[in-house]
Amino acid sequence: MRENIIITGFMGTGKSIVAEELARKLRMEFIDMDQIIEERQGLTISDIFARYGENYFREQENKLVKELSRKENMVIATGGGT
C-alpha cells in the first residue's frame, strides 16, 4: 500500500505541474482535481462558478475528496481555492 500525496497551494503556483512530475518520478497516478471536476461537469471552473456558484463547486470538490480518499498510490493536485 502506498499512501497519497496531496499538493496544495494558491492559484497559479504550479501545483499541477509539480504533482504531475512527482507522480511520474514516483510511478504513482496523477490526479488534477480541477480537471476531473471540469470533465465531469462538462464546463470550465469559471463556467461552473458563473452558472451554479461557489457553493455548488465546493460541493463537487468535497464529493471528489471523499471519493479519492478511498484510493491510494496517487499524487493529487488540489484546486487553487481548496
PDB file of N, CA and C in Angstrom:
ATOM      1  N   MET A   1       0.847  -1.192   0.000  1.00  0.00           N
ATOM      2  CA  MET A   1       0.000   0.000   0.000  1.00  0.00           C
ATOM      3  C   MET A   1       0.884   1.245   0.000  1.00  0.00           C
ATOM      4  N   ARG A   2       0.519   2.207  -0.829  1.00  0.00           N
ATOM      5  CA  ARG A   2       1.231   3.472  -0.891  1.00  0.00           C
ATOM      6  C   ARG A   2       0.241   4.589  -0.665  1.00  0.00           C
ATOM      7  N   GLU A   3       0.498   5.401   0.330  1.00  0.00           N
ATOM      8  CA  GLU A   3      -0.421   6.489   0.644  1.00  0.00           C
ATOM      9  C   GLU A   3      -0.391   7.554  -0.446  1.00  0.00           C
ATOM     10  N   ASN A   4      -1.399   8.404  -0.433  1.00  0.00           N
ATOM     11  CA  ASN A   4      -1.487   9.503  -1.388  1.00  0.00           C
ATOM     12  C   ASN A   4      -0.633  10.676  -0.945  1.00  0.00           C
ATOM     13  N   ILE A   5      -0.220  11.460  -1.912  1.00  0.00           N
ATOM     14  CA  ILE A   5       0.467  12.729  -1.673  1.00  0.00           C
ATOM     15  C   ILE A   5      -0.449  13.811  -2.215  1.00  0.00           C
ATOM     16  N   ILE A   6      -0.708  14.832  -1.409  1.00  0.00           N
ATOM     17  CA  ILE A   6      -1.614  15.902  -1.819  1.00  0.00           C
ATOM     18  C   ILE A   6      -0.832  17.204  -1.911  1.00  0.00           C
ATOM     19  N   ILE A   7      -0.904  17.847  -3.069  1.00  0.00           N
ATOM     20  CA  ILE A   7      -0.215  19.113  -3.320  1.00  0.00           C
ATOM     21  C   ILE A   7      -1.248  20.235  -3.235  1.00  0.00           C
ATOM     22  N   THR A   8      -1.016  21.183  -2.331  1.00  0.00           N
ATOM     23  CA  THR A   8      -1.918  22.323  -2.173  1.00  0.00           C
ATOM     24  C   THR A   8      -1.142  23.614  -2.383  1.00  0.00           C
ATOM     25  N   GLY A   9      -1.853  24.692  -2.621  1.00  0.00           N
ATOM     26  CA  GLY A   9      -1.219  25.993  -2.785  1.00  0.00           C
ATOM     27  C   GLY A   9      -2.166  26.966  -3.450  1.00  0.00           C
ATOM     28  N   PHE A  10      -1.704  28.183  -3.563  1.00  0.00           N
ATOM     29  CA  PHE A  10      -2.515  29.230  -4.169  1.00  0.00           C
ATOM     30  C   PHE A  10      -2.649  29.008  -5.674  1.00  0.00           C
ATOM     31  N   MET A  11      -3.668  29.609  -6.259  1.00  0.00           N
ATOM     32  CA  MET A  11      -3.918  29.534  -7.692  1.00  0.00           C
ATOM     33  C   MET A  11      -2.695  30.030  -8.473  1.00  0.00           C
ATOM     34  N   GLY A  12      -2.325  29.274  -9.488  1.00  0.00           N
ATOM     35  CA  GLY A  12      -1.250  29.692 -10.374  1.00  0.00           C
ATOM     36  C   GLY A  12       0.156  29.441  -9.865  1.00  0.00           C
ATOM     37  N   THR A  13       0.305  28.646  -8.801  1.00  0.00           N
ATOM     38  CA  THR A  13       1.636  28.416  -8.235  1.00  0.00           C
ATOM     39  C   THR A  13       2.320  27.169  -8.779  1.00  0.00           C
ATOM     40  N   GLY A  14       1.662  26.439  -9.675  1.00  0.00           N
ATOM     41  CA  GLY A  14       2.286  25.277 -10.297  1.00  0.00           C
ATOM     42  C   GLY A  14       2.000  23.948  -9.622  1.00  0.00           C
ATOM     43  N   LYS A  15       0.903  23.869  -8.889  1.00  0.00           N
ATOM     44  CA  LYS A  15       0.560  22.620  -8.194  1.00  0.00           C
ATOM     45  C   LYS A  15       0.455  21.445  -9.160  1.00  0.00           C
ATOM     46  N   SER A  16      -0.245  21.651 -10.253  1.00  0.00           N
ATOM     47  CA  SER A  16      -0.450  20.564 -11.217  1.00  0.00           C
ATOM     48  C   SER A  16       0.858  20.130 -11.858  1.00  0.00           C
ATOM     49  N   ILE A  17       1.703  21.074 -12.184  1.00  0.00           N
ATOM     50  CA  ILE A  17       2.997  20.754 -12.803  1.00  0.00           C
ATOM     51  C   ILE A  17       3.858  19.947 -11.840  1.00  0.00           C
ATOM     52  N   VAL A  18       3.941  20.399 -10.593  1.00  0.00           N
ATOM     53  CA  VAL A  18       4.735  19.700  -9.579  1.00  0.00           C
ATOM     54  C   VAL A  18       4.153  18.312  -9.313  1.00  0.00           C
ATOM     55  N   ALA A  19       2.840  18.231  -9.154  1.00  0.00           N
ATOM     56  CA  ALA A  19       2.193  16.951  -8.856  1.00  0.00           C
ATOM     57  C   ALA A  19       2.386  15.952  -9.994  1.00  0.00           C
ATOM     58  N   GLU A  20       2.251  16.419 -11.221  1.00  0.00           N
ATOM     59  CA  GLU A  20       2.412  15.527 -12.370  1.00  0.00           C
ATOM     60  C   GLU A  20       3.839  14.987 -12.455  1.00  0.00           C
ATOM     61  N   GLU A  21       4.816  15.845 -12.252  1.00  0.00           N
ATOM     62  CA  GLU A  21       6.216  15.416 -12.305  1.00  0.00           C
ATOM     63  C   GLU A  21       6.541  14.466 -11.148  1.00  0.00           C
ATOM     64  N   LEU A  22       6.050  14.780  -9.960  1.00  0.00           N
ATOM     65  CA  LEU A  22       6.272  13.921  -8.798  1.00  0.00           C
ATOM     66  C   LEU A  22       5.649  12.542  -9.025  1.00  0.00           C
ATOM     67  N   ALA A  23       4.438  12.522  -9.548  1.00  0.00           N
ATOM     68  CA  ALA A  23       3.769  11.249  -9.836  1.00  0.00           C
ATOM     69  C   ALA A  23       4.576  10.430 -10.843  1.00  0.00           C
ATOM     70  N   ARG A  24       5.087  11.089 -11.849  1.00  0.00           N
ATOM     71  CA  ARG A  24       5.891  10.390 -12.860  1.00  0.00           C
ATOM     72  C   ARG A  24       7.137   9.780 -12.221  1.00  0.00           C
ATOM     73  N   LYS A  25       7.837  10.575 -11.419  1.00  0.00           N
ATOM     74  CA  LYS A  25       9.078  10.092 -10.803  1.00  0.00           C
ATOM     75  C   LYS A  25       8.832   8.978  -9.791  1.00  0.00           C
ATOM     76  N   LEU A  26       7.722   9.047  -9.083  1.00  0.00           N
ATOM     77  CA  LEU A  26       7.415   8.038  -8.062  1.00  0.00           C
ATOM     78  C   LEU A  26       6.572   6.886  -8.600  1.00  0.00           C
ATOM     79  N   ARG A  27       6.226   6.965  -9.896  1.00  0.00           N
ATOM     80  CA  ARG A  27       5.394   5.946 -10.544  1.00  0.00           C
ATOM     81  C   ARG A  27       4.054   5.786  -9.822  1.00  0.00           C
ATOM     82  N   MET A  28       3.451   6.939  -9.593  1.00  0.00           N
ATOM     83  CA  MET A  28       2.135   6.992  -8.966  1.00  0.00           C
ATOM     84  C   MET A  28       1.165   7.630  -9.953  1.00  0.00           C
ATOM     85  N   GLU A  29      -0.112   7.490  -9.691  1.00  0.00           N
ATOM     86  CA  GLU A  29      -1.126   8.092 -10.557  1.00  0.00           C
ATOM     87  C   GLU A  29      -1.239   9.586 -10.256  1.00  0.00           C
ATOM     88  N   PHE A  30      -1.328  10.395 -11.307  1.00  0.00           N
ATOM     89  CA  PHE A  30      -1.505  11.841 -11.163  1.00  0.00           C
ATOM     90  C   PHE A  30      -2.981  12.185 -11.263  1.00  0.00           C
ATOM     91  N   ILE A  31      -3.461  12.969 -10.296  1.00  0.00           N
ATOM     92  CA  ILE A  31      -4.856  13.412 -10.274  1.00  0.00           C
ATOM     93  C   ILE A  31      -4.884  14.934 -10.160  1.00  0.00           C
ATOM     94  N   ASP A  32      -5.558  15.593 -11.091  1.00  0.00           N
ATOM     95  CA  ASP A  32      -5.786  17.040 -11.027  1.00  0.00           C
ATOM     96  C   ASP A  32      -7.270  17.237 -10.728  1.00  0.00           C
ATOM     97  N   MET A  33      -7.576  17.659  -9.517  1.00  0.00           N
ATOM     98  CA  MET A  33      -8.976  17.755  -9.098  1.00  0.00           C
ATOM     99  C   MET A  33      -9.788  18.689  -9.981  1.00  0.00           C
ATOM    100  N   ASP A  34      -9.237  19.842 -10.327  1.00  0.00           N
ATOM    101  CA  ASP A  34      -9.976  20.774 -11.189  1.00  0.00           C
ATOM    102  C   ASP A  34     -10.299  20.137 -12.537  1.00  0.00           C
ATOM    103  N   GLN A  35      -9.336  19.425 -13.089  1.00  0.00           N
ATOM    104  CA  GLN A  35      -9.544  18.780 -14.391  1.00  0.00           C
ATOM    105  C   GLN A  35     -10.656  17.735 -14.308  1.00  0.00           C
ATOM    106  N   ILE A  36     -10.670  16.951 -13.251  1.00  0.00           N
ATOM    107  CA  ILE A  36     -11.718  15.935 -13.094  1.00  0.00           C
ATOM    108  C   ILE A  36     -13.084  16.590 -12.968  1.00  0.00           C
ATOM    109  N   ILE A  37     -13.166  17.645 -12.161  1.00  0.00           N
ATOM    110  CA  ILE A  37     -14.448  18.339 -11.990  1.00  0.00           C
ATOM    111  C   ILE A  37     -14.911  18.927 -13.318  1.00  0.00           C
ATOM    112  N   GLU A  38     -13.996  19.550 -14.065  1.00  0.00           N
ATOM    113  CA  GLU A  38     -14.362  20.108 -15.370  1.00  0.00           C
ATOM    114  C   GLU A  38     -14.876  19.020 -16.311  1.00  0.00           C
ATOM    115  N   GLU A  39     -14.193  17.881 -16.338  1.00  0.00           N
ATOM    116  CA  GLU A  39     -14.611  16.780 -17.214  1.00  0.00           C
ATOM    117  C   GLU A  39     -15.985  16.257 -16.817  1.00  0.00           C
ATOM    118  N   ARG A  40     -16.203  16.083 -15.539  1.00  0.00           N
ATOM    119  CA  ARG A  40     -17.486  15.541 -15.067  1.00  0.00           C
ATOM    120  C   ARG A  40     -18.641  16.514 -15.287  1.00  0.00           C
ATOM    121  N   GLN A  41     -18.371  17.804 -15.146  1.00  0.00           N
ATOM    122  CA  GLN A  41     -19.421  18.806 -15.293  1.00  0.00           C
ATOM    123  C   GLN A  41     -19.594  19.256 -16.739  1.00  0.00           C
ATOM    124  N   GLY A  42     -18.582  19.016 -17.569  1.00  0.00           N
ATOM    125  CA  GLY A  42     -18.637  19.472 -18.951  1.00  0.00           C
ATOM    126  C   GLY A  42     -18.523  20.982 -19.067  1.00  0.00           C
ATOM    127  N   LEU A  43     -17.924  21.597 -18.061  1.00  0.00           N
ATOM    128  CA  LEU A  43     -17.765  23.056 -18.001  1.00  0.00           C
ATOM    129  C   LEU A  43     -16.402  23.386 -17.411  1.00  0.00           C
ATOM    130  N   THR A  44     -15.906  24.589 -17.719  1.00  0.00           N
ATOM    131  CA  THR A  44     -14.691  25.057 -17.060  1.00  0.00           C
ATOM    132  C   THR A  44     -15.032  25.457 -15.625  1.00  0.00           C
ATOM    133  N   ILE A  45     -14.013  25.583 -14.794  1.00  0.00           N
ATOM    134  CA  ILE A  45     -14.234  26.021 -13.408  1.00  0.00           C
ATOM    135  C   ILE A  45     -14.919  27.382 -13.403  1.00  0.00           C
ATOM    136  N   SER A  46     -14.471  28.293 -14.254  1.00  0.00           N
ATOM    137  CA  SER A  46     -15.082  29.627 -14.334  1.00  0.00           C
ATOM    138  C   SER A  46     -16.557  29.541 -14.684  1.00  0.00           C
ATOM    139  N   ASP A  47     -16.894  28.664 -15.630  1.00  0.00           N
ATOM    140  CA  ASP A  47     -18.298  28.498 -16.026  1.00  0.00           C
ATOM    141  C   ASP A  47     -19.136  27.864 -14.914  1.00  0.00           C
ATOM    142  N   ILE A  48     -18.546  26.934 -14.181  1.00  0.00           N
ATOM    143  CA  ILE A  48     -19.260  26.331 -13.049  1.00  0.00           C
ATOM    144  C   ILE A  48     -19.589  27.405 -12.019  1.00  0.00           C
ATOM    145  N   PHE A  49     -18.610  28.246 -11.692  1.00  0.00           N
ATOM    146  CA  PHE A  49     -18.837  29.337 -10.737  1.00  0.00           C
ATOM    147  C   PHE A  49     -19.923  30.278 -11.246  1.00  0.00           C
ATOM    148  N   ALA A  50     -19.850  30.635 -12.527  1.00  0.00           N
ATOM    149  CA  ALA A  50     -20.817  31.585 -13.095  1.00  0.00           C
ATOM    150  C   ALA A  50     -22.227  31.004 -13.145  1.00  0.00           C
ATOM    151  N   ARG A  51     -22.330  29.749 -13.505  1.00  0.00           N
ATOM    152  CA  ARG A  51     -23.643  29.131 -13.687  1.00  0.00           C
ATOM    153  C   ARG A  51     -24.269  28.656 -12.372  1.00  0.00           C
ATOM    154  N   TYR A  52     -23.452  28.040 -11.515  1.00  0.00           N
ATOM    155  CA  TYR A  52     -24.001  27.397 -10.318  1.00  0.00           C
ATOM    156  C   TYR A  52     -23.551  28.024  -8.995  1.00  0.00           C
ATOM    157  N   GLY A  53     -22.486  28.820  -9.037  1.00  0.00           N
ATOM    158  CA  GLY A  53     -21.998  29.465  -7.823  1.00  0.00           C
ATOM    159  C   GLY A  53     -20.908  28.670  -7.118  1.00  0.00           C
ATOM    160  N   GLU A  54     -20.261  29.355  -6.189  1.00  0.00           N
ATOM    161  CA  GLU A  54     -19.136  28.753  -5.470  1.00  0.00           C
ATOM    162  C   GLU A  54     -19.574  27.584  -4.592  1.00  0.00           C
ATOM    163  N   ASN A  55     -20.716  27.697  -3.930  1.00  0.00           N
ATOM    164  CA  ASN A  55     -21.157  26.606  -3.050  1.00  0.00           C
ATOM    165  C   ASN A  55     -21.293  25.291  -3.804  1.00  0.00           C
ATOM    166  N   TYR A  56     -21.865  25.354  -4.997  1.00  0.00           N
ATOM    167  CA  TYR A  56     -22.013  24.150  -5.815  1.00  0.00           C
ATOM    168  C   TYR A  56     -20.643  23.568  -6.153  1.00  0.00           C
ATOM    169  N   PHE A  57     -19.715  24.441  -6.557  1.00  0.00           N
ATOM    170  CA  PHE A  57     -18.374  23.977  -6.899  1.00  0.00           C
ATOM    171  C   PHE A  57     -17.715  23.313  -5.698  1.00  0.00           C
ATOM    172  N   ARG A  58     -17.833  23.925  -4.529  1.00  0.00           N
ATOM    173  CA  ARG A  58     -17.228  23.354  -3.316  1.00  0.00           C
ATOM    174  C   ARG A  58     -17.854  22.003  -2.970  1.00  0.00           C
ATOM    175  N   GLU A  59     -19.135  21.847  -3.222  1.00  0.00           N
ATOM    176  CA  GLU A  59     -19.787  20.547  -3.012  1.00  0.00           C
ATOM    177  C   GLU A  59     -19.167  19.488  -3.919  1.00  0.00           C
ATOM    178  N   GLN A  60     -18.892  19.866  -5.165  1.00  0.00           N
ATOM    179  CA  GLN A  60     -18.266  18.931  -6.104  1.00  0.00           C
ATOM    180  C   GLN A  60     -16.858  18.569  -5.642  1.00  0.00           C
ATOM    181  N   GLU A  61     -16.122  19.562  -5.143  1.00  0.00           N
ATOM    182  CA  GLU A  61     -14.789  19.289  -4.596  1.00  0.00           C
ATOM    183  C   GLU A  61     -14.878  18.312  -3.427  1.00  0.00           C
ATOM    184  N   ASN A  62     -15.800  18.561  -2.514  1.00  0.00           N
ATOM    185  CA  ASN A  62     -15.949  17.694  -1.340  1.00  0.00           C
ATOM    186  C   ASN A  62     -16.281  16.262  -1.738  1.00  0.00           C
ATOM    187  N   LYS A  63     -17.174  16.097  -2.701  1.00  0.00           N
ATOM    188  CA  LYS A  63     -17.517  14.755  -3.185  1.00  0.00           C
ATOM    189  C   LYS A  63     -16.285  14.054  -3.751  1.00  0.00           C
ATOM    190  N   LEU A  64     -15.505  14.797  -4.522  1.00  0.00           N
ATOM    191  CA  LEU A  64     -14.311  14.219  -5.132  1.00  0.00           C
ATOM    192  C   LEU A  64     -13.273  13.863  -4.073  1.00  0.00           C
ATOM    193  N   VAL A  65     -13.087  14.715  -3.077  1.00  0.00           N
ATOM    194  CA  VAL A  65     -12.141  14.423  -1.992  1.00  0.00           C
ATOM    195  C   VAL A  65     -12.536  13.124  -1.289  1.00  0.00           C
ATOM    196  N   LYS A  66     -13.811  12.961  -0.999  1.00  0.00           N
ATOM    197  CA  LYS A  66     -14.281  11.729  -0.344  1.00  0.00           C
ATOM    198  C   LYS A  66     -14.013  10.510  -1.218  1.00  0.00           C
ATOM    199  N   GLU A  67     -14.258  10.654  -2.505  1.00  0.00           N
ATOM    200  CA  GLU A  67     -14.018   9.557  -3.445  1.00  0.00           C
ATOM    201  C   GLU A  67     -12.532   9.191  -3.493  1.00  0.00           C
ATOM    202  N   LEU A  68     -11.677  10.205  -3.615  1.00  0.00           N
ATOM    203  CA  LEU A  68     -10.241   9.961  -3.727  1.00  0.00           C
ATOM    204  C   LEU A  68      -9.639   9.446  -2.427  1.00  0.00           C
ATOM    205  N   SER A  69     -10.229   9.795  -1.294  1.00  0.00           N
ATOM    206  CA  SER A  69      -9.685   9.369   0.000  1.00  0.00           C
ATOM    207  C   SER A  69      -9.784   7.853   0.190  1.00  0.00           C
ATOM    208  N   ARG A  70     -10.593   7.187  -0.603  1.00  0.00           N
ATOM    209  CA  ARG A  70     -10.726   5.732  -0.522  1.00  0.00           C
ATOM    210  C   ARG A  70      -9.735   5.011  -1.443  1.00  0.00           C
ATOM    211  N   LYS A  71      -8.936   5.782  -2.153  1.00  0.00           N
ATOM    212  CA  LYS A  71      -7.973   5.201  -3.087  1.00  0.00           C
ATOM    213  C   LYS A  71      -6.563   5.448  -2.574  1.00  0.00           C
ATOM    214  N   GLU A  72      -5.584   4.863  -3.239  1.00  0.00           N
ATOM    215  CA  GLU A  72      -4.198   5.030  -2.816  1.00  0.00           C
ATOM    216  C   GLU A  72      -3.274   5.112  -4.023  1.00  0.00           C
ATOM    217  N   ASN A  73      -2.002   5.423  -3.744  1.00  0.00           N
ATOM    218  CA  ASN A  73      -0.950   5.488  -4.755  1.00  0.00           C
ATOM    219  C   ASN A  73      -1.170   6.613  -5.770  1.00  0.00           C
ATOM    220  N   MET A  74      -1.622   7.774  -5.279  1.00  0.00           N
ATOM    221  CA  MET A  74      -1.896   8.907  -6.161  1.00  0.00           C
ATOM    222  C   MET A  74      -1.185  10.161  -5.657  1.00  0.00           C
ATOM    223  N   VAL A  75      -0.816  11.012  -6.599  1.00  0.00           N
ATOM    224  CA  VAL A  75      -0.378  12.373  -6.288  1.00  0.00           C
ATOM    225  C   VAL A  75      -1.503  13.274  -6.771  1.00  0.00           C
ATOM    226  N   ILE A  76      -2.093  14.019  -5.836  1.00  0.00           N
ATOM    227  CA  ILE A  76      -3.297  14.794  -6.115  1.00  0.00           C
ATOM    228  C   ILE A  76      -2.990  16.283  -6.063  1.00  0.00           C
ATOM    229  N   ALA A  77      -3.302  16.986  -7.149  1.00  0.00           N
ATOM    230  CA  ALA A  77      -3.206  18.449  -7.177  1.00  0.00           C
ATOM    231  C   ALA A  77      -4.594  18.999  -6.870  1.00  0.00           C
ATOM    232  N   THR A  78      -4.709  19.741  -5.776  1.00  0.00           N
ATOM    233  CA  THR A  78      -5.991  20.339  -5.423  1.00  0.00           C
ATOM    234  C   THR A  78      -6.193  21.610  -6.232  1.00  0.00           C
ATOM    235  N   GLY A  79      -7.405  22.139  -6.195  1.00  0.00           N
ATOM    236  CA  GLY A  79      -7.695  23.408  -6.851  1.00  0.00           C
ATOM    237  C   GLY A  79      -7.078  24.564  -6.080  1.00  0.00           C
ATOM    238  N   GLY A  80      -6.976  25.712  -6.735  1.00  0.00           N
ATOM    239  CA  GLY A  80      -6.362  26.878  -6.114  1.00  0.00           C
ATOM    240  C   GLY A  80      -7.124  27.455  -4.946  1.00  0.00           C
ATOM    241  N   GLY A  81      -8.407  27.161  -4.849  1.00  0.00           N
ATOM    242  CA  GLY A  81      -9.195  27.695  -3.745  1.00  0.00           C
ATOM    243  C   GLY A  81      -9.476  26.685  -2.655  1.00  0.00           C
ATOM    244  N   THR A  82      -8.938  25.474  -2.824  1.00  0.00           N
ATOM    245  CA  THR A  82      -9.214  24.396  -1.874  1.00  0.00           C
ATOM    246  C   THR A  82      -8.539  24.635  -0.548  1.00  0.00           C
TER     247      THR A  82
END
